[in-house]
Amino acid sequence: MVSPQIVMYEEEFNQISALCDRLCREANGKVVFLVDKNGQLIASAGQVGNLDTTSLASLTAGNIAATGGLAKLIGEKEFSILFHEGERDNLHISIVGGRVILVVIFDGRSSLGLVRLRVKRASVELAGIFEHLMRKMEDPAMGSPFAEITDEDIDNLFND
């Protein structure tokens, strides 16, 4: 199922980026990135220079969709946390607030316990930011970029 598009405002984007940076440091991770359920990269932090973040974002969303199908087959709503262990690097993937996917890539310099602890705290903060963002999107008085545009403005735009 495709999730509705999120309108990202600068204030919330800066909060999310700072939170990803902090999580990467505190979890001793290599990379942290945040993806919407449609596979669009929202923010990233850490050693992303050698990574194809677009592919990682879309494959992560696909992974969540596939495991969501598995969950439904066994009577679960979803698997909110996934862990993939590799020879060198590990992936910790979690769904935050039912809206976005938080991914931490880490190696032997960190531990699954530390990552889970830091992700849990960051997830609460991220859920709050996205809850505020959704309210802001729904309420024009909270700063929608489209609030001041009227039907007359649109008509005038196309009549010129």
N, C-alpha and C. Protein backbone atom coordinates (compact mmCIF):
# COMPACT_ATOMS: atom_id res chain seq x y z
N MET A 1 0.85 -1.18 0.00
CA MET A 1 0.00 0.00 0.00
C MET A 1 0.89 1.24 0.00
N VAL A 2 0.59 2.19 -0.85
CA VAL A 2 1.38 3.41 -0.97
C VAL A 2 0.93 4.41 0.08
N SER A 3 1.89 4.99 0.78
CA SER A 3 1.60 5.99 1.80
C SER A 3 1.45 7.35 1.17
N PRO A 4 0.66 8.24 1.79
CA PRO A 4 0.53 9.59 1.24
C PRO A 4 1.87 10.31 1.30
N GLN A 5 2.07 11.23 0.37
CA GLN A 5 3.31 12.00 0.32
C GLN A 5 3.40 12.92 1.54
N ILE A 6 4.60 13.10 2.00
CA ILE A 6 4.85 13.98 3.13
C ILE A 6 5.42 15.29 2.59
N VAL A 7 4.85 16.40 3.04
CA VAL A 7 5.41 17.71 2.71
C VAL A 7 6.41 18.03 3.81
N MET A 8 7.67 18.19 3.42
CA MET A 8 8.72 18.43 4.40
C MET A 8 9.02 19.92 4.49
N TYR A 9 8.97 20.44 5.69
CA TYR A 9 9.28 21.83 5.95
C TYR A 9 10.72 21.92 6.46
N GLU A 10 11.35 23.05 6.25
CA GLU A 10 12.76 23.21 6.60
C GLU A 10 13.01 22.96 8.08
N GLU A 11 12.15 23.47 8.94
CA GLU A 11 12.34 23.32 10.38
C GLU A 11 12.38 21.84 10.78
N GLU A 12 11.40 21.07 10.28
CA GLU A 12 11.36 19.65 10.62
C GLU A 12 12.49 18.88 9.96
N PHE A 13 12.84 19.26 8.73
CA PHE A 13 13.96 18.59 8.06
C PHE A 13 15.26 18.79 8.86
N ASN A 14 15.48 19.99 9.35
CA ASN A 14 16.68 20.26 10.16
C ASN A 14 16.67 19.45 11.45
N GLN A 15 15.51 19.32 12.09
CA GLN A 15 15.40 18.51 13.31
C GLN A 15 15.70 17.04 13.01
N ILE A 16 15.14 16.54 11.91
CA ILE A 16 15.34 15.15 11.52
C ILE A 16 16.81 14.89 11.18
N SER A 17 17.41 15.79 10.43
CA SER A 17 18.83 15.64 10.06
C SER A 17 19.73 15.64 11.29
N ALA A 18 19.46 16.54 12.22
CA ALA A 18 20.25 16.61 13.46
C ALA A 18 20.08 15.33 14.27
N LEU A 19 18.86 14.82 14.32
CA LEU A 19 18.60 13.60 15.06
C LEU A 19 19.33 12.41 14.43
N CYS A 20 19.35 12.32 13.10
CA CYS A 20 20.08 11.25 12.41
C CYS A 20 21.58 11.35 12.68
N ASP A 21 22.13 12.56 12.65
CA ASP A 21 23.55 12.77 12.97
C ASP A 21 23.86 12.30 14.39
N ARG A 22 23.02 12.70 15.32
CA ARG A 22 23.23 12.33 16.73
C ARG A 22 23.13 10.82 16.92
N LEU A 23 22.13 10.20 16.28
CA LEU A 23 21.96 8.75 16.39
C LEU A 23 23.17 8.01 15.84
N CYS A 24 23.68 8.47 14.72
CA CYS A 24 24.86 7.85 14.12
C CYS A 24 26.05 7.90 15.08
N ARG A 25 26.25 9.04 15.72
CA ARG A 25 27.35 9.19 16.68
C ARG A 25 27.13 8.33 17.92
N GLU A 26 25.93 8.45 18.52
CA GLU A 26 25.67 7.79 19.80
C GLU A 26 25.58 6.27 19.68
N ALA A 27 25.14 5.78 18.53
CA ALA A 27 25.05 4.32 18.32
C ALA A 27 26.36 3.78 17.76
N ASN A 28 27.31 4.67 17.52
CA ASN A 28 28.59 4.30 16.91
C ASN A 28 28.35 3.58 15.58
N GLY A 29 27.40 4.12 14.82
CA GLY A 29 27.05 3.53 13.53
C GLY A 29 27.89 4.09 12.41
N LYS A 30 27.84 3.41 11.30
CA LYS A 30 28.53 3.89 10.11
C LYS A 30 27.61 4.83 9.32
N VAL A 31 26.34 4.43 9.21
CA VAL A 31 25.37 5.19 8.42
C VAL A 31 24.01 5.10 9.10
N VAL A 32 23.28 6.20 9.07
CA VAL A 32 21.88 6.23 9.48
C VAL A 32 21.12 6.88 8.35
N PHE A 33 20.01 6.26 7.95
CA PHE A 33 19.16 6.95 7.00
C PHE A 33 17.71 6.69 7.30
N LEU A 34 16.89 7.65 6.87
CA LEU A 34 15.46 7.63 7.12
C LEU A 34 14.77 7.64 5.76
N VAL A 35 13.82 6.73 5.60
CA VAL A 35 13.15 6.51 4.32
C VAL A 35 11.65 6.51 4.56
N ASP A 36 10.88 7.05 3.61
CA ASP A 36 9.43 6.88 3.74
C ASP A 36 9.05 5.51 3.18
N LYS A 37 7.83 5.08 3.44
CA LYS A 37 7.42 3.74 3.03
C LYS A 37 7.30 3.59 1.52
N ASN A 38 7.38 4.70 0.79
CA ASN A 38 7.38 4.65 -0.67
C ASN A 38 8.79 4.46 -1.22
N GLY A 39 9.79 4.48 -0.35
CA GLY A 39 11.17 4.27 -0.78
C GLY A 39 11.94 5.54 -1.07
N GLN A 40 11.40 6.69 -0.67
CA GLN A 40 12.09 7.97 -0.88
C GLN A 40 12.98 8.27 0.32
N LEU A 41 14.24 8.59 0.05
CA LEU A 41 15.16 8.97 1.11
C LEU A 41 14.76 10.31 1.69
N ILE A 42 14.63 10.38 3.00
CA ILE A 42 14.27 11.63 3.67
C ILE A 42 15.53 12.31 4.21
N ALA A 43 16.38 11.56 4.89
CA ALA A 43 17.60 12.12 5.47
C ALA A 43 18.62 11.01 5.66
N SER A 44 19.89 11.42 5.72
CA SER A 44 20.95 10.44 5.96
C SER A 44 22.07 11.10 6.75
N ALA A 45 22.87 10.26 7.41
CA ALA A 45 24.00 10.75 8.18
C ALA A 45 25.09 9.69 8.17
N GLY A 46 26.30 10.12 8.37
CA GLY A 46 27.41 9.17 8.46
C GLY A 46 28.15 9.03 7.14
N GLN A 47 28.72 7.86 6.93
CA GLN A 47 29.59 7.59 5.80
C GLN A 47 28.79 7.17 4.57
N VAL A 48 28.07 8.11 3.99
CA VAL A 48 27.20 7.80 2.85
C VAL A 48 27.88 7.99 1.50
N GLY A 49 29.11 8.47 1.50
CA GLY A 49 29.81 8.79 0.26
C GLY A 49 29.93 7.64 -0.72
N ASN A 50 30.16 6.42 -0.23
CA ASN A 50 30.35 5.26 -1.11
C ASN A 50 29.08 4.44 -1.29
N LEU A 51 27.95 4.94 -0.80
CA LEU A 51 26.71 4.17 -0.87
C LEU A 51 25.76 4.73 -1.93
N ASP A 52 25.04 3.86 -2.56
CA ASP A 52 23.96 4.25 -3.45
C ASP A 52 22.71 4.38 -2.58
N THR A 53 22.52 5.57 -2.01
CA THR A 53 21.43 5.79 -1.05
C THR A 53 20.05 5.64 -1.69
N THR A 54 19.94 5.95 -2.97
CA THR A 54 18.65 5.79 -3.65
C THR A 54 18.25 4.32 -3.69
N SER A 55 19.19 3.47 -4.07
CA SER A 55 18.91 2.03 -4.12
C SER A 55 18.66 1.48 -2.72
N LEU A 56 19.48 1.91 -1.76
CA LEU A 56 19.28 1.44 -0.40
C LEU A 56 17.90 1.82 0.12
N ALA A 57 17.47 3.04 -0.17
CA ALA A 57 16.16 3.50 0.29
C ALA A 57 15.04 2.67 -0.32
N SER A 58 15.09 2.46 -1.64
CA SER A 58 14.01 1.72 -2.28
C SER A 58 14.03 0.24 -1.89
N LEU A 59 15.21 -0.36 -1.76
CA LEU A 59 15.29 -1.76 -1.34
C LEU A 59 14.84 -1.94 0.11
N THR A 60 15.13 -0.96 0.95
CA THR A 60 14.67 -1.03 2.34
C THR A 60 13.15 -1.00 2.40
N ALA A 61 12.54 -0.10 1.64
CA ALA A 61 11.07 -0.03 1.61
C ALA A 61 10.50 -1.34 1.07
N GLY A 62 11.15 -1.92 0.05
CA GLY A 62 10.71 -3.21 -0.48
C GLY A 62 10.84 -4.31 0.55
N ASN A 63 11.91 -4.28 1.32
CA ASN A 63 12.13 -5.26 2.38
C ASN A 63 11.01 -5.17 3.42
N ILE A 64 10.66 -3.95 3.81
CA ILE A 64 9.58 -3.75 4.78
C ILE A 64 8.25 -4.25 4.21
N ALA A 65 8.00 -3.97 2.93
CA ALA A 65 6.76 -4.43 2.30
C ALA A 65 6.71 -5.97 2.26
N ALA A 66 7.84 -6.58 1.91
CA ALA A 66 7.88 -8.05 1.84
C ALA A 66 7.68 -8.68 3.21
N THR A 67 8.36 -8.16 4.22
CA THR A 67 8.19 -8.74 5.55
C THR A 67 6.81 -8.42 6.12
N GLY A 68 6.21 -7.32 5.65
CA GLY A 68 4.82 -7.03 6.04
C GLY A 68 3.89 -8.11 5.51
N GLY A 69 4.15 -8.58 4.29
CA GLY A 69 3.37 -9.69 3.73
C GLY A 69 3.56 -10.96 4.53
N LEU A 70 4.79 -11.23 4.93
CA LEU A 70 5.06 -12.40 5.77
C LEU A 70 4.33 -12.29 7.10
N ALA A 71 4.37 -11.12 7.69
CA ALA A 71 3.70 -10.90 8.98
C ALA A 71 2.21 -11.19 8.87
N LYS A 72 1.59 -10.68 7.82
CA LYS A 72 0.15 -10.91 7.64
C LYS A 72 -0.17 -12.40 7.48
N LEU A 73 0.71 -13.13 6.80
CA LEU A 73 0.49 -14.57 6.61
C LEU A 73 0.47 -15.33 7.92
N ILE A 74 1.19 -14.85 8.91
CA ILE A 74 1.20 -15.55 10.19
C ILE A 74 0.34 -14.85 11.25
N GLY A 75 -0.44 -13.86 10.80
CA GLY A 75 -1.40 -13.22 11.69
C GLY A 75 -0.86 -12.02 12.47
N GLU A 76 0.28 -11.49 12.07
CA GLU A 76 0.82 -10.29 12.71
C GLU A 76 0.46 -9.07 11.88
N LYS A 77 0.42 -7.91 12.54
CA LYS A 77 0.17 -6.66 11.81
C LYS A 77 1.38 -6.31 10.96
N GLU A 78 2.56 -6.30 11.58
CA GLU A 78 3.82 -6.04 10.89
C GLU A 78 4.95 -6.45 11.81
N PHE A 79 6.14 -6.56 11.24
CA PHE A 79 7.35 -6.72 12.04
C PHE A 79 7.97 -5.33 12.11
N SER A 80 7.97 -4.74 13.28
CA SER A 80 8.40 -3.35 13.39
C SER A 80 9.91 -3.19 13.44
N ILE A 81 10.63 -4.28 13.73
CA ILE A 81 12.09 -4.23 13.77
C ILE A 81 12.66 -5.41 13.01
N LEU A 82 13.63 -5.13 12.14
CA LEU A 82 14.33 -6.17 11.40
C LEU A 82 15.82 -6.02 11.65
N PHE A 83 16.53 -7.14 11.66
CA PHE A 83 17.97 -7.11 11.84
C PHE A 83 18.60 -8.06 10.84
N HIS A 84 19.59 -7.56 10.12
CA HIS A 84 20.34 -8.38 9.17
C HIS A 84 21.81 -8.34 9.58
N GLU A 85 22.39 -9.53 9.78
CA GLU A 85 23.78 -9.62 10.21
C GLU A 85 24.64 -10.08 9.06
N GLY A 86 25.67 -9.31 8.76
CA GLY A 86 26.61 -9.67 7.71
C GLY A 86 27.97 -10.00 8.28
N GLU A 87 28.91 -10.31 7.40
CA GLU A 87 30.27 -10.60 7.86
C GLU A 87 30.95 -9.37 8.44
N ARG A 88 30.76 -8.22 7.78
CA ARG A 88 31.39 -6.98 8.24
C ARG A 88 30.37 -6.00 8.81
N ASP A 89 29.27 -5.84 8.11
CA ASP A 89 28.28 -4.82 8.50
C ASP A 89 26.94 -5.47 8.83
N ASN A 90 26.20 -4.75 9.65
CA ASN A 90 24.86 -5.19 10.08
C ASN A 90 23.87 -4.08 9.78
N LEU A 91 22.62 -4.48 9.57
CA LEU A 91 21.54 -3.51 9.34
C LEU A 91 20.50 -3.67 10.44
N HIS A 92 20.15 -2.56 11.05
CA HIS A 92 19.03 -2.53 12.00
C HIS A 92 17.98 -1.64 11.35
N ILE A 93 16.81 -2.21 11.09
CA ILE A 93 15.74 -1.50 10.40
C ILE A 93 14.52 -1.46 11.31
N SER A 94 13.95 -0.28 11.49
CA SER A 94 12.76 -0.17 12.33
C SER A 94 11.75 0.78 11.70
N ILE A 95 10.50 0.50 11.94
CA ILE A 95 9.41 1.35 11.47
C ILE A 95 9.09 2.34 12.59
N VAL A 96 9.06 3.61 12.24
CA VAL A 96 8.83 4.66 13.24
C VAL A 96 7.47 5.29 13.01
N GLY A 97 6.63 5.22 14.02
CA GLY A 97 5.33 5.86 13.96
C GLY A 97 4.44 5.36 12.83
N GLY A 98 4.73 4.16 12.31
CA GLY A 98 3.93 3.61 11.22
C GLY A 98 4.10 4.36 9.91
N ARG A 99 5.02 5.33 9.86
CA ARG A 99 5.14 6.20 8.69
C ARG A 99 6.46 6.09 7.95
N VAL A 100 7.55 5.98 8.70
CA VAL A 100 8.88 6.04 8.09
C VAL A 100 9.73 4.87 8.58
N ILE A 101 10.82 4.63 7.88
CA ILE A 101 11.72 3.52 8.17
C ILE A 101 13.08 4.10 8.56
N LEU A 102 13.57 3.71 9.71
CA LEU A 102 14.86 4.16 10.21
C LEU A 102 15.85 3.01 10.07
N VAL A 103 16.97 3.28 9.41
CA VAL A 103 17.98 2.25 9.16
C VAL A 103 19.31 2.69 9.77
N VAL A 104 19.93 1.78 10.51
CA VAL A 104 21.27 2.01 11.05
C VAL A 104 22.17 0.90 10.52
N ILE A 105 23.23 1.30 9.86
CA ILE A 105 24.25 0.35 9.41
C ILE A 105 25.42 0.48 10.38
N PHE A 106 25.84 -0.65 10.94
CA PHE A 106 26.93 -0.62 11.92
C PHE A 106 27.81 -1.85 11.77
N ASP A 107 29.01 -1.74 12.34
CA ASP A 107 29.95 -2.85 12.25
C ASP A 107 30.37 -3.27 13.66
N GLY A 108 31.50 -3.94 13.79
CA GLY A 108 31.97 -4.46 15.06
C GLY A 108 32.33 -3.40 16.09
N ARG A 109 32.43 -2.14 15.69
CA ARG A 109 32.72 -1.07 16.65
C ARG A 109 31.52 -0.76 17.54
N SER A 110 30.36 -1.28 17.18
CA SER A 110 29.14 -1.08 17.96
C SER A 110 28.56 -2.44 18.30
N SER A 111 27.40 -2.44 18.92
CA SER A 111 26.72 -3.70 19.25
C SER A 111 25.23 -3.55 18.99
N LEU A 112 24.57 -4.67 18.78
CA LEU A 112 23.13 -4.63 18.54
C LEU A 112 22.40 -4.01 19.73
N GLY A 113 22.84 -4.32 20.94
CA GLY A 113 22.21 -3.75 22.13
C GLY A 113 22.29 -2.24 22.17
N LEU A 114 23.47 -1.70 21.87
CA LEU A 114 23.64 -0.24 21.86
C LEU A 114 22.78 0.39 20.77
N VAL A 115 22.79 -0.21 19.60
CA VAL A 115 21.99 0.33 18.49
C VAL A 115 20.51 0.32 18.85
N ARG A 116 20.03 -0.80 19.38
CA ARG A 116 18.60 -0.88 19.76
C ARG A 116 18.23 0.16 20.80
N LEU A 117 19.10 0.36 21.78
CA LEU A 117 18.85 1.35 22.83
C LEU A 117 18.76 2.76 22.24
N ARG A 118 19.71 3.11 21.40
CA ARG A 118 19.73 4.45 20.80
C ARG A 118 18.58 4.65 19.81
N VAL A 119 18.26 3.61 19.05
CA VAL A 119 17.15 3.69 18.09
C VAL A 119 15.83 3.88 18.81
N LYS A 120 15.67 3.21 19.92
CA LYS A 120 14.41 3.33 20.68
C LYS A 120 14.16 4.78 21.10
N ARG A 121 15.20 5.43 21.61
CA ARG A 121 15.05 6.83 22.02
C ARG A 121 14.83 7.74 20.81
N ALA A 122 15.60 7.52 19.75
CA ALA A 122 15.46 8.34 18.55
C ALA A 122 14.09 8.16 17.92
N SER A 123 13.55 6.95 17.99
CA SER A 123 12.23 6.67 17.39
C SER A 123 11.12 7.48 18.05
N VAL A 124 11.21 7.62 19.36
CA VAL A 124 10.21 8.42 20.08
C VAL A 124 10.28 9.87 19.62
N GLU A 125 11.49 10.39 19.49
CA GLU A 125 11.66 11.77 19.03
C GLU A 125 11.18 11.94 17.59
N LEU A 126 11.55 11.00 16.73
CA LEU A 126 11.12 11.07 15.32
C LEU A 126 9.62 10.99 15.18
N ALA A 127 9.00 10.11 15.96
CA ALA A 127 7.53 9.99 15.91
C ALA A 127 6.88 11.32 16.27
N GLY A 128 7.43 12.01 17.27
CA GLY A 128 6.91 13.32 17.65
C GLY A 128 7.07 14.35 16.55
N ILE A 129 8.22 14.35 15.89
CA ILE A 129 8.45 15.28 14.78
C ILE A 129 7.47 15.01 13.65
N PHE A 130 7.27 13.75 13.30
CA PHE A 130 6.36 13.42 12.20
C PHE A 130 4.91 13.66 12.56
N GLU A 131 4.57 13.47 13.82
CA GLU A 131 3.20 13.77 14.26
C GLU A 131 2.93 15.27 14.10
N HIS A 132 3.89 16.08 14.53
CA HIS A 132 3.77 17.54 14.37
C HIS A 132 3.70 17.91 12.89
N LEU A 133 4.51 17.26 12.08
CA LEU A 133 4.54 17.52 10.64
C LEU A 133 3.19 17.20 10.00
N MET A 134 2.58 16.09 10.39
CA MET A 134 1.28 15.71 9.84
C MET A 134 0.20 16.72 10.24
N ARG A 135 0.24 17.16 11.50
CA ARG A 135 -0.72 18.18 11.93
C ARG A 135 -0.51 19.47 11.14
N LYS A 136 0.73 19.81 10.91
CA LYS A 136 1.06 21.02 10.16
C LYS A 136 0.56 20.92 8.72
N MET A 137 0.67 19.74 8.13
CA MET A 137 0.19 19.54 6.75
C MET A 137 -1.33 19.67 6.67
N GLU A 138 -2.02 19.20 7.70
CA GLU A 138 -3.49 19.20 7.70
C GLU A 138 -4.09 20.55 8.05
N ASP A 139 -3.36 21.36 8.81
CA ASP A 139 -3.88 22.63 9.30
C ASP A 139 -3.18 23.79 8.60
N PRO A 140 -3.86 24.45 7.66
CA PRO A 140 -3.23 25.56 6.93
C PRO A 140 -2.72 26.67 7.84
N ALA A 141 -3.34 26.84 8.98
CA ALA A 141 -2.91 27.90 9.89
C ALA A 141 -1.53 27.62 10.47
N MET A 142 -1.07 26.37 10.41
CA MET A 142 0.23 26.01 10.97
C MET A 142 1.37 26.20 9.97
N GLY A 143 1.08 26.75 8.80
CA GLY A 143 2.18 27.08 7.91
C GLY A 143 2.21 26.34 6.59
N SER A 144 1.08 25.91 6.09
CA SER A 144 1.08 25.25 4.79
C SER A 144 1.53 26.23 3.71
N PRO A 145 2.41 25.79 2.80
CA PRO A 145 2.86 26.69 1.75
C PRO A 145 1.74 27.00 0.74
N PHE A 146 0.65 26.27 0.81
CA PHE A 146 -0.46 26.46 -0.12
C PHE A 146 -1.64 27.21 0.48
N ALA A 147 -1.53 27.56 1.78
CA ALA A 147 -2.65 28.16 2.49
C ALA A 147 -3.12 29.47 1.87
N GLU A 148 -2.21 30.27 1.39
CA GLU A 148 -2.57 31.59 0.89
C GLU A 148 -2.99 31.60 -0.57
N ILE A 149 -2.90 30.47 -1.25
CA ILE A 149 -3.26 30.41 -2.66
C ILE A 149 -4.77 30.17 -2.78
N THR A 150 -5.42 31.04 -3.52
CA THR A 150 -6.86 30.92 -3.71
C THR A 150 -7.17 30.39 -5.11
N ASP A 151 -8.41 30.01 -5.34
CA ASP A 151 -8.85 29.58 -6.67
C ASP A 151 -8.66 30.71 -7.67
N GLU A 152 -8.90 31.94 -7.21
CA GLU A 152 -8.72 33.10 -8.09
C GLU A 152 -7.25 33.25 -8.51
N ASP A 153 -6.33 33.00 -7.59
CA ASP A 153 -4.89 33.05 -7.93
C ASP A 153 -4.55 32.03 -9.00
N ILE A 154 -5.11 30.86 -8.88
CA ILE A 154 -4.86 29.80 -9.87
C ILE A 154 -5.43 30.18 -11.24
N ASP A 155 -6.66 30.70 -11.23
CA ASP A 155 -7.28 31.14 -12.48
C ASP A 155 -6.46 32.23 -13.13
N ASN A 156 -6.00 33.19 -12.33
CA ASN A 156 -5.19 34.29 -12.88
C ASN A 156 -3.88 33.78 -13.46
N LEU A 157 -3.32 32.79 -12.86
CA LEU A 157 -2.06 32.22 -13.34
C LEU A 157 -2.22 31.65 -14.74
N PHE A 158 -3.31 30.97 -14.98
CA PHE A 158 -3.52 30.33 -16.27
C PHE A 158 -4.18 31.25 -17.32
N ASN A 159 -4.70 32.38 -16.89
CA ASN A 159 -5.32 33.31 -17.81
C ASN A 159 -4.33 34.28 -18.42
N ASP A 160 -3.17 34.40 -17.83
CA ASP A 160 -2.18 35.37 -18.33
C ASP A 160 -1.53 34.91 -19.60
